[in-house]
Amino acid sequence: MITAKAFGPNADKPIPVRVGNSEQTITLSHDVTTTTLHFDNPSAASTLVIVPPDPQSTNEGNILGHSPRQLGIGMVEIKVIDAQG
């Protein structure tokens, strides 16, 4: 379960989400939403990869004096639930 929102031009664009060799996409808006994805994970991969399509360099939410950072998704929460448990 992914609770997040898109930042800037990433809104309403497909965002790839990968677990092992399996890939699905989510589409986020500028509002926080929760999306549930179901992955088969036969290789027991322990890495979740989310790749925003158009990360933007910004100082939004940054500490004064720090360099701009790349933002594409405003992540609120990720929950990994074992479907067999």
C-alpha atoms as a PDB file:
ATOM      1  CA  MET A   1       0.000   0.000   0.000  1.00  0.00           C
ATOM      2  CA  ILE A   2       1.436   3.340  -1.079  1.00  0.00           C
ATOM      3  CA  THR A   3       0.097   6.605   0.303  1.00  0.00           C
ATOM      4  CA  ALA A   4       1.561   9.510  -1.635  1.00  0.00           C
ATOM      5  CA  LYS A   5       1.013  12.454  -3.946  1.00  0.00           C
ATOM      6  CA  ALA A   6       2.791  13.630  -7.069  1.00  0.00           C
ATOM      7  CA  PHE A   7       5.060  16.651  -7.099  1.00  0.00           C
ATOM      8  CA  GLY A   8       4.833  19.134  -9.983  1.00  0.00           C
ATOM      9  CA  PRO A   9       4.647  17.672 -13.503  1.00  0.00           C
ATOM     10  CA  ASN A  10       4.692  14.080 -12.184  1.00  0.00           C
ATOM     11  CA  ALA A  11       0.950  14.365 -11.505  1.00  0.00           C
ATOM     12  CA  ASP A  12      -1.274  12.198 -13.675  1.00  0.00           C
ATOM     13  CA  LYS A  13       1.692  10.413 -15.302  1.00  0.00           C
ATOM     14  CA  PRO A  14       2.381   6.667 -14.949  1.00  0.00           C
ATOM     15  CA  ILE A  15       4.974   5.967 -12.250  1.00  0.00           C
ATOM     16  CA  PRO A  16       6.720   2.568 -12.417  1.00  0.00           C
ATOM     17  CA  VAL A  17       6.850   0.509  -9.212  1.00  0.00           C
ATOM     18  CA  ARG A  18       9.094  -2.575  -9.224  1.00  0.00           C
ATOM     19  CA  VAL A  19       9.559  -5.531  -6.888  1.00  0.00           C
ATOM     20  CA  GLY A  20      12.168  -7.935  -8.213  1.00  0.00           C
ATOM     21  CA  ASN A  21      11.358  -8.577 -11.890  1.00  0.00           C
ATOM     22  CA  SER A  22       7.704  -7.511 -11.569  1.00  0.00           C
ATOM     23  CA  GLU A  23       6.645  -4.005 -12.531  1.00  0.00           C
ATOM     24  CA  GLN A  24       3.336  -2.166 -12.235  1.00  0.00           C
ATOM     25  CA  THR A  25       2.453   1.504 -12.551  1.00  0.00           C
ATOM     26  CA  ILE A  26       0.565   3.925 -10.358  1.00  0.00           C
ATOM     27  CA  THR A  27      -0.781   7.351 -11.233  1.00  0.00           C
ATOM     28  CA  LEU A  28      -0.779  10.015  -8.555  1.00  0.00           C
ATOM     29  CA  SER A  29      -2.416  13.446  -8.465  1.00  0.00           C
ATOM     30  CA  HIS A  30      -1.486  16.537  -6.463  1.00  0.00           C
ATOM     31  CA  ASP A  31      -3.696  15.204  -3.622  1.00  0.00           C
ATOM     32  CA  VAL A  32      -2.633  12.435  -1.229  1.00  0.00           C
ATOM     33  CA  THR A  33      -4.184   9.085  -2.168  1.00  0.00           C
ATOM     34  CA  THR A  34      -3.629   5.448  -1.176  1.00  0.00           C
ATOM     35  CA  THR A  35      -3.021   2.823  -3.862  1.00  0.00           C
ATOM     36  CA  THR A  36      -2.777  -0.925  -3.245  1.00  0.00           C
ATOM     37  CA  LEU A  37      -0.644  -3.013  -5.588  1.00  0.00           C
ATOM     38  CA  HIS A  38      -0.402  -6.809  -5.561  1.00  0.00           C
ATOM     39  CA  PHE A  39       2.931  -8.380  -6.517  1.00  0.00           C
ATOM     40  CA  ASP A  40       3.951 -12.001  -6.841  1.00  0.00           C
ATOM     41  CA  ASN A  41       7.483 -12.229  -5.506  1.00  0.00           C
ATOM     42  CA  PRO A  42       8.850 -15.696  -6.300  1.00  0.00           C
ATOM     43  CA  SER A  43      12.472 -14.520  -6.078  1.00  0.00           C
ATOM     44  CA  ALA A  44      11.898 -13.107  -2.549  1.00  0.00           C
ATOM     45  CA  ALA A  45      13.136  -9.661  -3.639  1.00  0.00           C
ATOM     46  CA  SER A  46      13.551  -7.266  -0.735  1.00  0.00           C
ATOM     47  CA  THR A  47      13.742  -4.025  -2.716  1.00  0.00           C
ATOM     48  CA  LEU A  48      10.880  -1.776  -3.798  1.00  0.00           C
ATOM     49  CA  VAL A  49      11.819   0.681  -6.574  1.00  0.00           C
ATOM     50  CA  ILE A  50       9.652   3.707  -7.421  1.00  0.00           C
ATOM     51  CA  VAL A  51      10.866   5.908 -10.284  1.00  0.00           C
ATOM     52  CA  PRO A  52       9.129   9.273 -10.779  1.00  0.00           C
ATOM     53  CA  PRO A  53       9.012  10.164 -14.505  1.00  0.00           C
ATOM     54  CA  ASP A  54      10.006  13.836 -14.163  1.00  0.00           C
ATOM     55  CA  PRO A  55      11.765  14.723 -10.865  1.00  0.00           C
ATOM     56  CA  GLN A  56      12.135  18.468 -10.323  1.00  0.00           C
ATOM     57  CA  SER A  57      14.961  20.369  -8.661  1.00  0.00           C
ATOM     58  CA  THR A  58      13.415  22.478  -5.873  1.00  0.00           C
ATOM     59  CA  ASN A  59      14.044  24.060  -2.503  1.00  0.00           C
ATOM     60  CA  GLU A  60      10.453  23.356  -1.378  1.00  0.00           C
ATOM     61  CA  GLY A  61      10.545  21.936   2.149  1.00  0.00           C
ATOM     62  CA  ASN A  62      14.330  22.206   2.146  1.00  0.00           C
ATOM     63  CA  ILE A  63      16.522  23.461   5.003  1.00  0.00           C
ATOM     64  CA  LEU A  64      17.787  27.016   4.444  1.00  0.00           C
ATOM     65  CA  GLY A  65      21.239  27.035   2.865  1.00  0.00           C
ATOM     66  CA  HIS A  66      21.055  23.496   1.442  1.00  0.00           C
ATOM     67  CA  SER A  67      21.259  22.774  -2.277  1.00  0.00           C
ATOM     68  CA  PRO A  68      18.027  22.115  -4.189  1.00  0.00           C
ATOM     69  CA  ARG A  69      16.885  18.499  -4.167  1.00  0.00           C
ATOM     70  CA  GLN A  70      15.091  16.335  -6.708  1.00  0.00           C
ATOM     71  CA  LEU A  71      11.402  15.741  -5.930  1.00  0.00           C
ATOM     72  CA  GLY A  72       8.885  13.670  -7.859  1.00  0.00           C
ATOM     73  CA  ILE A  73       6.690  12.061  -5.210  1.00  0.00           C
ATOM     74  CA  GLY A  74       5.562  13.202  -1.780  1.00  0.00           C
ATOM     75  CA  MET A  75       5.660   9.885   0.072  1.00  0.00           C
ATOM     76  CA  VAL A  76       3.445   9.660   3.148  1.00  0.00           C
ATOM     77  CA  GLU A  77       3.529   5.918   3.916  1.00  0.00           C
ATOM     78  CA  ILE A  78       4.451   2.548   2.438  1.00  0.00           C
ATOM     79  CA  LYS A  79       3.095  -0.672   3.924  1.00  0.00           C
ATOM     80  CA  VAL A  80       4.219  -4.114   2.775  1.00  0.00           C
ATOM     81  CA  ILE A  81       1.695  -6.799   3.693  1.00  0.00           C
ATOM     82  CA  ASP A  82       2.283 -10.512   3.228  1.00  0.00           C
ATOM     83  CA  ALA A  83      -0.822 -11.780   1.440  1.00  0.00           C
ATOM     84  CA  GLN A  84      -0.202 -15.262   2.851  1.00  0.00           C
ATOM     85  CA  GLY A  85      -0.012 -14.032   6.442  1.00  0.00           C
END
